[in-house]
Amino acid sequence: MTDATPPIDPDVPPSGEGCVECLDGGGWWLHLRRCAHCGHVGCCDSSPEQHASRHAREQGHPIAQSFEPGEDWFWNYATHEAVDGPRLAPPDSRPVEQGSPAPRDRVPADWKSRLHRQSAN
């Protein structure tokens, strides 16, 4: 990371249990990513709206961590590569019972056909 890259703040909690923008706008997501700088939870690049990478671009917060149960990897949206990071403030994932995709009552029957195909996100 360069000096211009916002630091990872391990003390900031996640913004919620799901994608902020999808929840506010009535959407749905496949997987979640958590901004390592401000805690914003957004949907992954396979999700229809790709809010996590949009947040990274628009806010200048390129480092995100998976917010999926059992995953602790970090991704740098600016360089498109995996990076190391510290343990972040809990919780470290969405609730397991939430499932994926989610929220269940908003996921269309043809959800698989609406996913974006990405190599990493």
C-alpha atoms as a PDB file:
ATOM      1  CA  MET A   1       0.000   0.000   0.000  1.00  0.00           C
ATOM      2  CA  THR A   2       1.115   3.551  -0.598  1.00  0.00           C
ATOM      3  CA  ASP A   3       0.862   6.433   1.846  1.00  0.00           C
ATOM      4  CA  ALA A   4      -2.208   7.645  -0.104  1.00  0.00           C
ATOM      5  CA  THR A   5      -4.088   4.409   0.623  1.00  0.00           C
ATOM      6  CA  PRO A   6      -6.416   4.723   3.624  1.00  0.00           C
ATOM      7  CA  PRO A   7      -5.195   2.538   6.451  1.00  0.00           C
ATOM      8  CA  ILE A   8      -6.922  -0.566   7.636  1.00  0.00           C
ATOM      9  CA  ASP A   9      -8.726   0.245  10.866  1.00  0.00           C
ATOM     10  CA  PRO A  10      -9.086  -2.995  12.858  1.00  0.00           C
ATOM     11  CA  ASP A  11     -11.242  -1.310  15.513  1.00  0.00           C
ATOM     12  CA  VAL A  12     -14.157  -0.263  13.264  1.00  0.00           C
ATOM     13  CA  PRO A  13     -17.087  -2.710  13.418  1.00  0.00           C
ATOM     14  CA  PRO A  14     -18.977  -3.774  10.291  1.00  0.00           C
ATOM     15  CA  SER A  15     -21.860  -1.549   9.202  1.00  0.00           C
ATOM     16  CA  GLY A  16     -24.379  -4.386   9.537  1.00  0.00           C
ATOM     17  CA  GLU A  17     -25.210  -7.970   8.648  1.00  0.00           C
ATOM     18  CA  GLY A  18     -25.852  -7.364   4.955  1.00  0.00           C
ATOM     19  CA  CYS A  19     -25.114  -5.073   2.030  1.00  0.00           C
ATOM     20  CA  VAL A  20     -26.089  -1.573   3.128  1.00  0.00           C
ATOM     21  CA  GLU A  21     -27.236  -0.432  -0.322  1.00  0.00           C
ATOM     22  CA  CYS A  22     -29.115  -3.645  -1.176  1.00  0.00           C
ATOM     23  CA  LEU A  23     -30.972  -3.558   2.122  1.00  0.00           C
ATOM     24  CA  ASP A  24     -31.912   0.105   1.623  1.00  0.00           C
ATOM     25  CA  GLY A  25     -32.856  -0.372  -2.033  1.00  0.00           C
ATOM     26  CA  GLY A  26     -34.693  -3.697  -1.917  1.00  0.00           C
ATOM     27  CA  GLY A  27     -31.937  -5.693  -3.613  1.00  0.00           C
ATOM     28  CA  TRP A  28     -30.190  -8.981  -2.875  1.00  0.00           C
ATOM     29  CA  TRP A  29     -26.624 -10.289  -2.864  1.00  0.00           C
ATOM     30  CA  LEU A  30     -24.591 -13.452  -3.294  1.00  0.00           C
ATOM     31  CA  HIS A  31     -21.625 -12.805  -0.974  1.00  0.00           C
ATOM     32  CA  LEU A  32     -20.533  -9.938   1.249  1.00  0.00           C
ATOM     33  CA  ARG A  33     -17.342  -7.904   1.580  1.00  0.00           C
ATOM     34  CA  ARG A  34     -16.389  -5.587   4.451  1.00  0.00           C
ATOM     35  CA  CYS A  35     -14.355  -2.405   3.947  1.00  0.00           C
ATOM     36  CA  ALA A  36     -11.245  -2.718   6.104  1.00  0.00           C
ATOM     37  CA  HIS A  37     -11.068   1.062   6.501  1.00  0.00           C
ATOM     38  CA  CYS A  38     -14.616   2.084   7.508  1.00  0.00           C
ATOM     39  CA  GLY A  39     -16.542  -1.178   8.045  1.00  0.00           C
ATOM     40  CA  HIS A  40     -18.987  -0.678   5.142  1.00  0.00           C
ATOM     41  CA  VAL A  41     -20.557  -4.010   4.194  1.00  0.00           C
ATOM     42  CA  GLY A  42     -21.286  -4.349   0.489  1.00  0.00           C
ATOM     43  CA  CYS A  43     -22.087  -7.109  -1.966  1.00  0.00           C
ATOM     44  CA  CYS A  44     -19.391  -8.893  -3.979  1.00  0.00           C
ATOM     45  CA  ASP A  45     -18.663  -8.449  -7.675  1.00  0.00           C
ATOM     46  CA  SER A  46     -20.642 -11.573  -8.551  1.00  0.00           C
ATOM     47  CA  SER A  47     -23.728  -9.918  -7.046  1.00  0.00           C
ATOM     48  CA  PRO A  48     -26.005  -7.911  -9.361  1.00  0.00           C
ATOM     49  CA  GLU A  49     -25.099  -4.475  -7.964  1.00  0.00           C
ATOM     50  CA  GLN A  50     -21.426  -4.937  -6.955  1.00  0.00           C
ATOM     51  CA  HIS A  51     -21.647  -2.437  -4.081  1.00  0.00           C
ATOM     52  CA  ALA A  52     -18.367  -3.393  -2.347  1.00  0.00           C
ATOM     53  CA  SER A  53     -16.173  -2.552  -5.339  1.00  0.00           C
ATOM     54  CA  ARG A  54     -18.243   0.578  -6.027  1.00  0.00           C
ATOM     55  CA  HIS A  55     -17.611   1.679  -2.420  1.00  0.00           C
ATOM     56  CA  ALA A  56     -13.890   1.029  -2.884  1.00  0.00           C
ATOM     57  CA  ARG A  57     -13.766   3.192  -6.028  1.00  0.00           C
ATOM     58  CA  GLU A  58     -16.017   6.010  -4.852  1.00  0.00           C
ATOM     59  CA  GLN A  59     -14.668   6.297  -1.300  1.00  0.00           C
ATOM     60  CA  GLY A  60     -11.023   5.499  -2.024  1.00  0.00           C
ATOM     61  CA  HIS A  61     -11.095   2.548   0.398  1.00  0.00           C
ATOM     62  CA  PRO A  62      -9.550  -0.238  -1.699  1.00  0.00           C
ATOM     63  CA  ILE A  63      -9.017  -2.946   0.934  1.00  0.00           C
ATOM     64  CA  ALA A  64     -11.906  -5.259   1.805  1.00  0.00           C
ATOM     65  CA  GLN A  65     -12.187  -8.494   3.715  1.00  0.00           C
ATOM     66  CA  SER A  66     -14.606 -11.299   2.977  1.00  0.00           C
ATOM     67  CA  PHE A  67     -17.619 -11.069   5.282  1.00  0.00           C
ATOM     68  CA  GLU A  68     -18.577 -14.695   4.701  1.00  0.00           C
ATOM     69  CA  PRO A  69     -18.471 -17.346   7.448  1.00  0.00           C
ATOM     70  CA  GLY A  70     -15.146 -19.184   7.587  1.00  0.00           C
ATOM     71  CA  GLU A  71     -13.350 -16.737   5.268  1.00  0.00           C
ATOM     72  CA  ASP A  72     -10.732 -14.240   6.438  1.00  0.00           C
ATOM     73  CA  TRP A  73      -8.982 -13.171   3.243  1.00  0.00           C
ATOM     74  CA  PHE A  74      -8.418  -9.546   2.174  1.00  0.00           C
ATOM     75  CA  TRP A  75      -8.651  -8.117  -1.345  1.00  0.00           C
ATOM     76  CA  ASN A  76      -7.252  -4.890  -2.769  1.00  0.00           C
ATOM     77  CA  TYR A  77      -9.693  -3.570  -5.371  1.00  0.00           C
ATOM     78  CA  ALA A  78      -7.125  -1.017  -6.603  1.00  0.00           C
ATOM     79  CA  THR A  79      -4.422  -3.562  -7.443  1.00  0.00           C
ATOM     80  CA  HIS A  80      -6.706  -6.591  -7.978  1.00  0.00           C
ATOM     81  CA  GLU A  81      -4.685  -8.796  -5.670  1.00  0.00           C
ATOM     82  CA  ALA A  82      -4.951 -10.559  -2.338  1.00  0.00           C
ATOM     83  CA  VAL A  83      -3.284  -8.756   0.560  1.00  0.00           C
ATOM     84  CA  ASP A  84      -2.589  -9.493   4.206  1.00  0.00           C
ATOM     85  CA  GLY A  85      -4.478  -7.759   6.968  1.00  0.00           C
ATOM     86  CA  PRO A  86      -5.061  -7.848  10.712  1.00  0.00           C
ATOM     87  CA  ARG A  87      -7.951  -9.364  12.608  1.00  0.00           C
ATOM     88  CA  LEU A  88     -10.863  -6.917  12.390  1.00  0.00           C
ATOM     89  CA  ALA A  89     -13.388  -6.007  15.095  1.00  0.00           C
ATOM     90  CA  PRO A  90     -16.189  -8.544  15.503  1.00  0.00           C
ATOM     91  CA  PRO A  91     -18.358  -9.835  14.102  1.00  0.00           C
ATOM     92  CA  ASP A  92     -16.141 -11.285  11.390  1.00  0.00           C
ATOM     93  CA  SER A  93     -18.943 -12.498   9.111  1.00  0.00           C
ATOM     94  CA  ARG A  94     -22.615 -12.311   8.345  1.00  0.00           C
ATOM     95  CA  PRO A  95     -24.785 -14.638  10.439  1.00  0.00           C
ATOM     96  CA  VAL A  96     -24.485 -18.229   9.200  1.00  0.00           C
ATOM     97  CA  GLU A  97     -28.267 -18.643   9.308  1.00  0.00           C
ATOM     98  CA  GLN A  98     -28.674 -15.739   6.876  1.00  0.00           C
ATOM     99  CA  GLY A  99     -27.519 -17.983   4.073  1.00  0.00           C
ATOM    100  CA  SER A 100     -26.410 -16.999   0.608  1.00  0.00           C
ATOM    101  CA  PRO A 101     -27.807 -15.561  -1.567  1.00  0.00           C
ATOM    102  CA  ALA A 102     -29.784 -13.230   0.693  1.00  0.00           C
ATOM    103  CA  PRO A 103     -32.099 -11.810   1.891  1.00  0.00           C
ATOM    104  CA  ARG A 104     -34.010 -14.958   1.031  1.00  0.00           C
ATOM    105  CA  ASP A 105     -37.339 -13.201   0.489  1.00  0.00           C
ATOM    106  CA  ARG A 106     -35.797 -10.955  -2.195  1.00  0.00           C
ATOM    107  CA  VAL A 107     -33.811 -13.522  -4.181  1.00  0.00           C
ATOM    108  CA  PRO A 108     -35.476 -14.193  -7.556  1.00  0.00           C
ATOM    109  CA  ALA A 109     -36.022 -17.750  -8.775  1.00  0.00           C
ATOM    110  CA  ASP A 110     -33.587 -17.156 -11.661  1.00  0.00           C
ATOM    111  CA  TRP A 111     -30.883 -15.652  -9.408  1.00  0.00           C
ATOM    112  CA  LYS A 112     -28.036 -17.716 -10.879  1.00  0.00           C
ATOM    113  CA  SER A 113     -28.600 -16.192 -14.313  1.00  0.00           C
ATOM    114  CA  ARG A 114     -28.298 -12.693 -12.803  1.00  0.00           C
ATOM    115  CA  LEU A 115     -24.818 -13.157 -11.342  1.00  0.00           C
ATOM    116  CA  HIS A 116     -21.743 -11.455 -12.759  1.00  0.00           C
ATOM    117  CA  ARG A 117     -18.894 -13.798 -13.587  1.00  0.00           C
ATOM    118  CA  GLN A 118     -15.667 -12.606 -11.980  1.00  0.00           C
ATOM    119  CA  SER A 119     -12.343 -14.306 -11.410  1.00  0.00           C
ATOM    120  CA  ALA A 120     -11.893 -12.673  -7.978  1.00  0.00           C
ATOM    121  CA  ASN A 121     -13.652 -10.081  -5.871  1.00  0.00           C
END
